[in-house]
PDB file of N, CA and C in Angstrom:
ATOM      1  N   MET A   1       0.892  12.507  19.770  1.00  0.00           N
ATOM      2  CA  MET A   1      -0.577  11.394  19.158  1.00  0.00           C
ATOM      3  C   MET A   1      -0.738  11.252  17.783  1.00  0.00           C
ATOM      4  N   GLY A   2      -1.610  12.733  17.610  1.00  0.00           N
ATOM      5  CA  GLY A   2      -1.602  13.058  16.344  1.00  0.00           C
ATOM      6  C   GLY A   2      -0.571  12.684  14.793  1.00  0.00           C
ATOM      7  N   LYS A   3       0.276  13.427  15.507  1.00  0.00           N
ATOM      8  CA  LYS A   3       1.325  12.758  14.069  1.00  0.00           C
ATOM      9  C   LYS A   3       1.648  11.476  14.094  1.00  0.00           C
ATOM     10  N   LEU A   4       1.824  10.890  15.078  1.00  0.00           N
ATOM     11  CA  LEU A   4       2.063   9.277  15.276  1.00  0.00           C
ATOM     12  C   LEU A   4       0.746   8.505  13.881  1.00  0.00           C
ATOM     13  N   ALA A   5      -0.488   8.643  14.465  1.00  0.00           N
ATOM     14  CA  ALA A   5      -1.857   8.567  13.610  1.00  0.00           C
ATOM     15  C   ALA A   5      -1.483   8.527  12.225  1.00  0.00           C
ATOM     16  N   ILE A   6      -0.747  10.161  11.829  1.00  0.00           N
ATOM     17  CA  ILE A   6      -0.942  10.180  10.537  1.00  0.00           C
ATOM     18  C   ILE A   6       0.193   9.326  10.379  1.00  0.00           C
ATOM     19  N   LYS A   7       1.223   8.966  10.810  1.00  0.00           N
ATOM     20  CA  LYS A   7       2.138   8.762  10.246  1.00  0.00           C
ATOM     21  C   LYS A   7       2.160   6.745  10.128  1.00  0.00           C
ATOM     22  N   ALA A   8       1.615   6.471  11.131  1.00  0.00           N
ATOM     23  CA  ALA A   8       0.786   5.210  10.520  1.00  0.00           C
ATOM     24  C   ALA A   8       0.070   4.981   9.788  1.00  0.00           C
ATOM     25  N   GLY A   9      -0.952   6.080   9.785  1.00  0.00           N
ATOM     26  CA  GLY A   9      -2.195   5.748   8.300  1.00  0.00           C
ATOM     27  C   GLY A   9      -1.220   5.757   7.433  1.00  0.00           C
ATOM     28  N   LYS A  10      -0.004   6.490   7.008  1.00  0.00           N
ATOM     29  CA  LYS A  10       0.928   6.848   5.612  1.00  0.00           C
ATOM     30  C   LYS A  10       1.242   5.354   4.899  1.00  0.00           C
ATOM     31  N   ILE A  11       2.101   4.825   6.556  1.00  0.00           N
ATOM     32  CA  ILE A  11       2.395   3.605   5.902  1.00  0.00           C
ATOM     33  C   ILE A  11       1.754   2.530   5.356  1.00  0.00           C
ATOM     34  N   ILE A  12       0.350   2.702   6.260  1.00  0.00           N
ATOM     35  CA  ILE A  12      -0.651   1.455   6.497  1.00  0.00           C
ATOM     36  C   ILE A  12      -1.092   1.674   4.909  1.00  0.00           C
ATOM     37  N   GLY A  13      -1.547   2.894   4.611  1.00  0.00           N
ATOM     38  CA  GLY A  13      -2.345   3.183   3.633  1.00  0.00           C
ATOM     39  C   GLY A  13      -1.315   3.083   2.268  1.00  0.00           C
ATOM     40  N   GLY A  14      -0.045   3.133   2.462  1.00  0.00           N
ATOM     41  CA  GLY A  14       1.274   2.808   1.337  1.00  0.00           C
ATOM     42  C   GLY A  14       1.671   1.478   1.047  1.00  0.00           C
ATOM     43  N   GLY A  15       1.165   0.820   2.560  1.00  0.00           N
ATOM     44  CA  GLY A  15       1.186  -0.983   2.001  1.00  0.00           C
ATOM     45  C   GLY A  15      -0.031  -1.378   1.057  1.00  0.00           C
ATOM     46  N   ILE A  16      -1.285  -0.852   1.598  1.00  0.00           N
ATOM     47  CA  ILE A  16      -1.884  -1.315   0.976  1.00  0.00           C
ATOM     48  C   ILE A  16      -2.109  -0.740  -0.680  1.00  0.00           C
ATOM     49  N   ALA A  17      -1.283   0.436  -1.060  1.00  0.00           N
ATOM     50  CA  ALA A  17      -1.784   0.770  -2.579  1.00  0.00           C
ATOM     51  C   ALA A  17      -0.472  -0.237  -3.325  1.00  0.00           C
ATOM     52  N   SER A  18       0.434  -0.097  -2.288  1.00  0.00           N
ATOM     53  CA  SER A  18       2.085  -1.079  -3.094  1.00  0.00           C
ATOM     54  C   SER A  18       1.641  -2.480  -3.235  1.00  0.00           C
ATOM     55  N   ALA A  19       0.549  -3.235  -2.151  1.00  0.00           N
ATOM     56  CA  ALA A  19       0.009  -4.687  -2.140  1.00  0.00           C
ATOM     57  C   ALA A  19      -0.618  -4.574  -3.763  1.00  0.00           C
ATOM     58  N   LEU A  20      -1.472  -3.764  -3.716  1.00  0.00           N
ATOM     59  CA  LEU A  20      -3.012  -3.427  -4.853  1.00  0.00           C
ATOM     60  C   LEU A  20      -1.623  -3.371  -6.223  1.00  0.00           C
ATOM     61  N   GLY A  21      -0.813  -2.643  -6.151  1.00  0.00           N
ATOM     62  CA  GLY A  21       0.000  -2.052  -7.073  1.00  0.00           C
ATOM     63  C   GLY A  21       0.792  -3.671  -8.244  1.00  0.00           C
ATOM     64  N   TRP A  22       1.486  -4.258  -6.785  1.00  0.00           N
ATOM     65  CA  TRP A  22       1.875  -5.543  -6.819  1.00  0.00           C
ATOM     66  C   TRP A  22       0.852  -6.591  -7.511  1.00  0.00           C
ATOM     67  N   ALA A  23      -0.151  -6.641  -7.121  1.00  0.00           N
ATOM     68  CA  ALA A  23      -1.238  -7.676  -7.342  1.00  0.00           C
ATOM     69  C   ALA A  23      -1.408  -6.988  -9.315  1.00  0.00           C
ATOM     70  N   ALA A  24      -1.559  -5.626  -9.462  1.00  0.00           N
ATOM     71  CA  ALA A  24      -2.235  -5.584 -10.688  1.00  0.00           C
ATOM     72  C   ALA A  24      -1.013  -5.637 -11.669  1.00  0.00           C
ATOM     73  N   GLY A  25       0.072  -5.839 -11.162  1.00  0.00           N
ATOM     74  CA  GLY A  25       1.217  -6.023 -12.343  1.00  0.00           C
ATOM     75  C   GLY A  25       1.401  -7.217 -12.723  1.00  0.00           C
ATOM     76  N   GLU A  26       0.886  -8.410 -11.527  1.00  0.00           N
ATOM     77  CA  GLU A  26       1.059  -9.578 -11.320  1.00  0.00           C
ATOM     78  C   GLU A  26       0.384 -10.349 -12.795  1.00  0.00           C
ATOM     79  N   LYS A  27      -1.024  -9.853 -12.391  1.00  0.00           N
ATOM     80  CA  LYS A  27      -2.099 -10.106 -13.718  1.00  0.00           C
ATOM     81  C   LYS A  27      -1.602  -9.133 -14.765  1.00  0.00           C
ATOM     82  N   ALA A  28      -1.088  -8.148 -14.913  1.00  0.00           N
ATOM     83  CA  ALA A  28      -0.545  -7.964 -16.326  1.00  0.00           C
ATOM     84  C   ALA A  28       0.713  -8.882 -16.775  1.00  0.00           C
ATOM     85  N   VAL A  29       1.451  -9.092 -16.079  1.00  0.00           N
ATOM     86  CA  VAL A  29       2.611  -9.813 -16.151  1.00  0.00           C
ATOM     87  C   VAL A  29       1.749 -11.332 -16.423  1.00  0.00           C
ATOM     88  N   GLY A  30       0.838 -12.005 -15.833  1.00  0.00           N
ATOM     89  CA  GLY A  30       0.021 -12.829 -16.499  1.00  0.00           C
ATOM     90  C   GLY A  30       0.689 -14.532 -15.823  1.00  0.00           C
ATOM     91  N   LYS A  31       1.061 -14.064 -14.411  1.00  0.00           N
ATOM     92  CA  LYS A  31       1.995 -14.965 -13.073  1.00  0.00           C
ATOM     93  C   LYS A  31       1.161 -15.701 -12.786  1.00  0.00           C
TER      94      LYS A  31
END
């Protein structure tokens, strides 16, 4: 259970990080 929770947390955390990075990139490009 613990390993699955860590894996899920990493996936969720990575999704948030990539979404923020994508939004920052869009702002930088000016779209």
